[in-house]
Amino acid sequence: MVKRAMVLASVLVLASCGSSDGVEGYDALSNFVADNRVGGGSDQWIETITAMGTSERVGLIFGYMDDHQACVEAVTGMQEANPGRVYVCTPAN
């Protein structure tokens, strides 16, 4: 539970960035992450599926032994906190 809370807290800062539409630095961050893996495994984007059926990046997981597993744990916590949203993990690099 503590690990999930820590992962969730690390995600919330990026989650406040929202959509790429009009958010200064969004594209630069996405491009930087694509070319700069942290550690041996792929970093993970947390994405939410919008009502329009498109995905929006709302978080980034990196620096764990298993970034995908940490992402899954974060997504689980986010979905529990907001059951009306769908969150998924996708490779960032």
N, C-alpha and C. Protein backbone atom coordinates (compact mmCIF):
# COMPACT_ATOMS: atom_id res chain seq x y z
N MET A 1 0.82 -1.19 0.00
CA MET A 1 0.00 0.00 0.00
C MET A 1 0.86 1.26 0.00
N VAL A 2 1.93 1.28 0.79
CA VAL A 2 2.81 2.44 0.84
C VAL A 2 3.46 2.65 -0.52
N LYS A 3 3.91 1.55 -1.14
CA LYS A 3 4.54 1.66 -2.45
C LYS A 3 3.56 2.25 -3.46
N ARG A 4 2.31 1.78 -3.45
CA ARG A 4 1.30 2.29 -4.38
C ARG A 4 1.09 3.78 -4.14
N ALA A 5 1.04 4.21 -2.89
CA ALA A 5 0.85 5.62 -2.57
C ALA A 5 2.02 6.45 -3.07
N MET A 6 3.25 5.93 -2.93
CA MET A 6 4.42 6.65 -3.40
C MET A 6 4.40 6.78 -4.92
N VAL A 7 4.05 5.70 -5.61
CA VAL A 7 3.98 5.74 -7.07
C VAL A 7 2.91 6.72 -7.49
N LEU A 8 1.76 6.67 -6.85
CA LEU A 8 0.67 7.56 -7.20
C LEU A 8 1.07 9.01 -6.99
N ALA A 9 1.76 9.30 -5.90
CA ALA A 9 2.19 10.67 -5.63
C ALA A 9 3.16 11.15 -6.69
N SER A 10 4.05 10.27 -7.17
CA SER A 10 5.01 10.69 -8.19
C SER A 10 4.34 10.95 -9.52
N VAL A 11 3.17 10.39 -9.73
CA VAL A 11 2.44 10.55 -10.97
C VAL A 11 1.61 11.82 -10.97
N LEU A 12 1.12 12.23 -9.84
CA LEU A 12 0.17 13.33 -9.78
C LEU A 12 0.74 14.65 -10.28
N VAL A 13 2.03 14.86 -10.14
CA VAL A 13 2.62 16.09 -10.64
C VAL A 13 2.45 16.19 -12.14
N LEU A 14 2.74 15.13 -12.86
CA LEU A 14 2.59 15.14 -14.31
C LEU A 14 1.12 15.12 -14.69
N ALA A 15 0.28 14.50 -13.91
CA ALA A 15 -1.13 14.42 -14.24
C ALA A 15 -1.77 15.78 -14.35
N SER A 16 -1.23 16.74 -13.63
CA SER A 16 -1.81 18.08 -13.68
C SER A 16 -1.52 18.78 -15.01
N CYS A 17 -0.62 18.22 -15.82
CA CYS A 17 -0.32 18.83 -17.11
C CYS A 17 -1.45 18.67 -18.11
N GLY A 18 -2.23 17.60 -18.00
CA GLY A 18 -3.38 17.40 -18.87
C GLY A 18 -3.03 17.12 -20.30
N SER A 19 -3.82 17.66 -21.19
CA SER A 19 -3.74 17.40 -22.61
C SER A 19 -2.56 18.09 -23.26
N SER A 20 -2.17 17.58 -24.42
CA SER A 20 -1.09 18.22 -25.18
C SER A 20 -1.57 19.51 -25.82
N ASP A 21 -2.88 19.71 -25.93
CA ASP A 21 -3.43 20.92 -26.55
C ASP A 21 -3.14 22.14 -25.68
N GLY A 22 -2.18 22.93 -26.11
CA GLY A 22 -1.92 24.19 -25.43
C GLY A 22 -1.10 24.10 -24.16
N VAL A 23 -0.60 22.94 -23.79
CA VAL A 23 0.21 22.82 -22.58
C VAL A 23 1.67 23.02 -22.96
N GLU A 24 2.22 24.11 -22.48
CA GLU A 24 3.60 24.44 -22.80
C GLU A 24 4.55 23.36 -22.28
N GLY A 25 5.41 22.86 -23.14
CA GLY A 25 6.40 21.87 -22.76
C GLY A 25 5.97 20.42 -22.92
N TYR A 26 4.70 20.19 -23.23
CA TYR A 26 4.19 18.82 -23.35
C TYR A 26 4.92 18.04 -24.43
N ASP A 27 5.00 18.61 -25.62
CA ASP A 27 5.67 17.91 -26.73
C ASP A 27 7.17 17.76 -26.46
N ALA A 28 7.79 18.76 -25.88
CA ALA A 28 9.22 18.68 -25.57
C ALA A 28 9.48 17.55 -24.57
N LEU A 29 8.62 17.43 -23.57
CA LEU A 29 8.76 16.35 -22.58
C LEU A 29 8.59 14.99 -23.25
N SER A 30 7.55 14.85 -24.06
CA SER A 30 7.31 13.58 -24.75
C SER A 30 8.50 13.19 -25.61
N ASN A 31 9.04 14.14 -26.35
CA ASN A 31 10.18 13.86 -27.23
C ASN A 31 11.43 13.52 -26.42
N PHE A 32 11.65 14.22 -25.32
CA PHE A 32 12.81 13.94 -24.48
C PHE A 32 12.73 12.53 -23.91
N VAL A 33 11.58 12.17 -23.38
CA VAL A 33 11.39 10.85 -22.77
C VAL A 33 11.60 9.74 -23.81
N ALA A 34 11.13 9.95 -25.02
CA ALA A 34 11.25 8.94 -26.07
C ALA A 34 12.71 8.58 -26.34
N ASP A 35 13.61 9.54 -26.17
CA ASP A 35 15.02 9.32 -26.48
C ASP A 35 15.92 9.15 -25.26
N ASN A 36 15.35 9.11 -24.07
CA ASN A 36 16.17 9.09 -22.85
C ASN A 36 15.60 8.15 -21.80
N ARG A 37 15.80 6.88 -22.01
CA ARG A 37 15.34 5.85 -21.06
C ARG A 37 16.11 5.97 -19.75
N VAL A 38 15.39 5.79 -18.65
CA VAL A 38 16.00 5.76 -17.33
C VAL A 38 16.08 4.31 -16.90
N GLY A 39 17.28 3.78 -16.72
CA GLY A 39 17.45 2.39 -16.33
C GLY A 39 17.44 1.45 -17.52
N GLY A 40 17.31 0.15 -17.21
CA GLY A 40 17.42 -0.87 -18.24
C GLY A 40 16.13 -1.18 -18.98
N GLY A 41 14.99 -1.03 -18.32
CA GLY A 41 13.71 -1.34 -18.96
C GLY A 41 13.02 -0.09 -19.45
N SER A 42 11.99 -0.29 -20.25
CA SER A 42 11.24 0.83 -20.80
C SER A 42 10.49 1.58 -19.70
N ASP A 43 10.64 2.91 -19.69
CA ASP A 43 9.83 3.74 -18.82
C ASP A 43 8.39 3.61 -19.32
N GLN A 44 7.42 3.98 -18.50
CA GLN A 44 6.02 3.77 -18.84
C GLN A 44 5.20 5.05 -18.72
N TRP A 45 4.43 5.33 -19.76
CA TRP A 45 3.43 6.39 -19.67
C TRP A 45 2.17 5.82 -19.04
N ILE A 46 1.53 6.62 -18.21
CA ILE A 46 0.18 6.32 -17.79
C ILE A 46 -0.71 7.17 -18.69
N GLU A 47 -1.63 6.53 -19.36
CA GLU A 47 -2.55 7.23 -20.24
C GLU A 47 -3.97 6.99 -19.77
N THR A 48 -4.82 7.96 -20.01
CA THR A 48 -6.24 7.80 -19.74
C THR A 48 -6.97 7.84 -21.08
N ILE A 49 -8.02 7.08 -21.17
CA ILE A 49 -8.83 7.05 -22.38
C ILE A 49 -9.94 8.08 -22.21
N THR A 50 -10.03 9.01 -23.13
CA THR A 50 -11.02 10.08 -23.05
C THR A 50 -12.38 9.60 -23.53
N ALA A 51 -13.38 10.41 -23.31
CA ALA A 51 -14.74 10.11 -23.79
C ALA A 51 -14.79 10.02 -25.31
N MET A 52 -13.84 10.65 -25.98
CA MET A 52 -13.78 10.62 -27.44
C MET A 52 -13.05 9.37 -27.95
N GLY A 53 -12.54 8.57 -27.02
CA GLY A 53 -11.84 7.35 -27.40
C GLY A 53 -10.37 7.52 -27.70
N THR A 54 -9.85 8.71 -27.46
CA THR A 54 -8.42 8.96 -27.66
C THR A 54 -7.70 8.81 -26.32
N SER A 55 -6.39 8.71 -26.37
CA SER A 55 -5.63 8.59 -25.12
C SER A 55 -4.88 9.90 -24.84
N GLU A 56 -4.75 10.19 -23.57
CA GLU A 56 -4.01 11.36 -23.11
C GLU A 56 -2.99 10.90 -22.08
N ARG A 57 -1.75 11.32 -22.24
CA ARG A 57 -0.71 10.99 -21.27
C ARG A 57 -0.90 11.84 -20.02
N VAL A 58 -0.98 11.17 -18.88
CA VAL A 58 -1.21 11.88 -17.62
C VAL A 58 -0.16 11.57 -16.56
N GLY A 59 0.75 10.67 -16.86
CA GLY A 59 1.78 10.33 -15.88
C GLY A 59 2.93 9.60 -16.52
N LEU A 60 4.06 9.56 -15.84
CA LEU A 60 5.25 8.87 -16.31
C LEU A 60 5.87 8.12 -15.15
N ILE A 61 6.14 6.84 -15.36
CA ILE A 61 6.78 6.01 -14.35
C ILE A 61 8.19 5.68 -14.83
N PHE A 62 9.18 5.93 -13.97
CA PHE A 62 10.57 5.59 -14.29
C PHE A 62 11.35 5.40 -13.01
N GLY A 63 12.48 4.73 -13.12
CA GLY A 63 13.36 4.59 -11.97
C GLY A 63 13.10 3.40 -11.06
N TYR A 64 12.18 2.53 -11.43
CA TYR A 64 11.90 1.34 -10.63
C TYR A 64 12.59 0.14 -11.26
N MET A 65 12.78 -0.92 -10.49
CA MET A 65 13.36 -2.15 -11.04
C MET A 65 12.47 -2.68 -12.17
N ASP A 66 11.17 -2.55 -12.01
CA ASP A 66 10.21 -2.98 -13.02
C ASP A 66 9.20 -1.85 -13.22
N ASP A 67 9.50 -0.97 -14.16
CA ASP A 67 8.65 0.19 -14.38
C ASP A 67 7.23 -0.20 -14.79
N HIS A 68 7.10 -1.27 -15.55
CA HIS A 68 5.76 -1.68 -15.96
C HIS A 68 4.93 -2.11 -14.75
N GLN A 69 5.50 -2.89 -13.87
CA GLN A 69 4.77 -3.32 -12.67
C GLN A 69 4.41 -2.13 -11.80
N ALA A 70 5.33 -1.18 -11.65
CA ALA A 70 5.03 0.03 -10.88
C ALA A 70 3.91 0.81 -11.53
N CYS A 71 3.88 0.85 -12.84
CA CYS A 71 2.83 1.53 -13.56
C CYS A 71 1.48 0.86 -13.33
N VAL A 72 1.47 -0.46 -13.40
CA VAL A 72 0.23 -1.20 -13.17
C VAL A 72 -0.31 -0.90 -11.77
N GLU A 73 0.57 -0.84 -10.78
CA GLU A 73 0.15 -0.52 -9.42
C GLU A 73 -0.40 0.90 -9.33
N ALA A 74 0.25 1.84 -10.00
CA ALA A 74 -0.24 3.22 -10.00
C ALA A 74 -1.60 3.32 -10.67
N VAL A 75 -1.75 2.64 -11.80
CA VAL A 75 -3.02 2.65 -12.53
C VAL A 75 -4.13 2.06 -11.67
N THR A 76 -3.82 1.00 -10.95
CA THR A 76 -4.81 0.38 -10.07
C THR A 76 -5.29 1.38 -9.02
N GLY A 77 -4.37 2.09 -8.41
CA GLY A 77 -4.73 3.10 -7.42
C GLY A 77 -5.51 4.25 -8.03
N MET A 78 -5.14 4.67 -9.22
CA MET A 78 -5.84 5.77 -9.88
C MET A 78 -7.27 5.37 -10.25
N GLN A 79 -7.44 4.14 -10.70
CA GLN A 79 -8.78 3.67 -11.05
C GLN A 79 -9.65 3.50 -9.82
N GLU A 80 -9.06 3.09 -8.70
CA GLU A 80 -9.82 3.00 -7.45
C GLU A 80 -10.27 4.39 -7.00
N ALA A 81 -9.40 5.37 -7.17
CA ALA A 81 -9.73 6.74 -6.76
C ALA A 81 -10.72 7.41 -7.71
N ASN A 82 -10.72 6.98 -8.96
CA ASN A 82 -11.58 7.60 -9.96
C ASN A 82 -12.15 6.52 -10.87
N PRO A 83 -13.14 5.75 -10.39
CA PRO A 83 -13.64 4.59 -11.13
C PRO A 83 -14.28 4.92 -12.48
N GLY A 84 -14.60 6.17 -12.72
CA GLY A 84 -15.19 6.54 -14.00
C GLY A 84 -14.20 6.69 -15.13
N ARG A 85 -12.90 6.59 -14.83
CA ARG A 85 -11.86 6.76 -15.85
C ARG A 85 -11.19 5.43 -16.14
N VAL A 86 -10.64 5.33 -17.33
CA VAL A 86 -9.87 4.14 -17.71
C VAL A 86 -8.42 4.58 -17.89
N TYR A 87 -7.51 3.87 -17.22
CA TYR A 87 -6.08 4.16 -17.31
C TYR A 87 -5.35 2.94 -17.85
N VAL A 88 -4.31 3.20 -18.65
CA VAL A 88 -3.49 2.12 -19.19
C VAL A 88 -2.02 2.52 -19.11
N CYS A 89 -1.16 1.53 -19.18
CA CYS A 89 0.29 1.74 -19.23
C CYS A 89 0.77 1.49 -20.66
N THR A 90 1.62 2.38 -21.15
CA THR A 90 2.21 2.18 -22.47
C THR A 90 3.71 2.50 -22.39
N PRO A 91 4.54 1.79 -23.17
CA PRO A 91 5.98 2.07 -23.15
C PRO A 91 6.26 3.50 -23.59
N ALA A 92 7.17 4.15 -22.89
CA ALA A 92 7.52 5.54 -23.19
C ALA A 92 8.75 5.64 -24.09
N ASN A 93 9.57 4.59 -24.13
CA ASN A 93 10.79 4.65 -24.93
C ASN A 93 11.28 3.24 -25.23
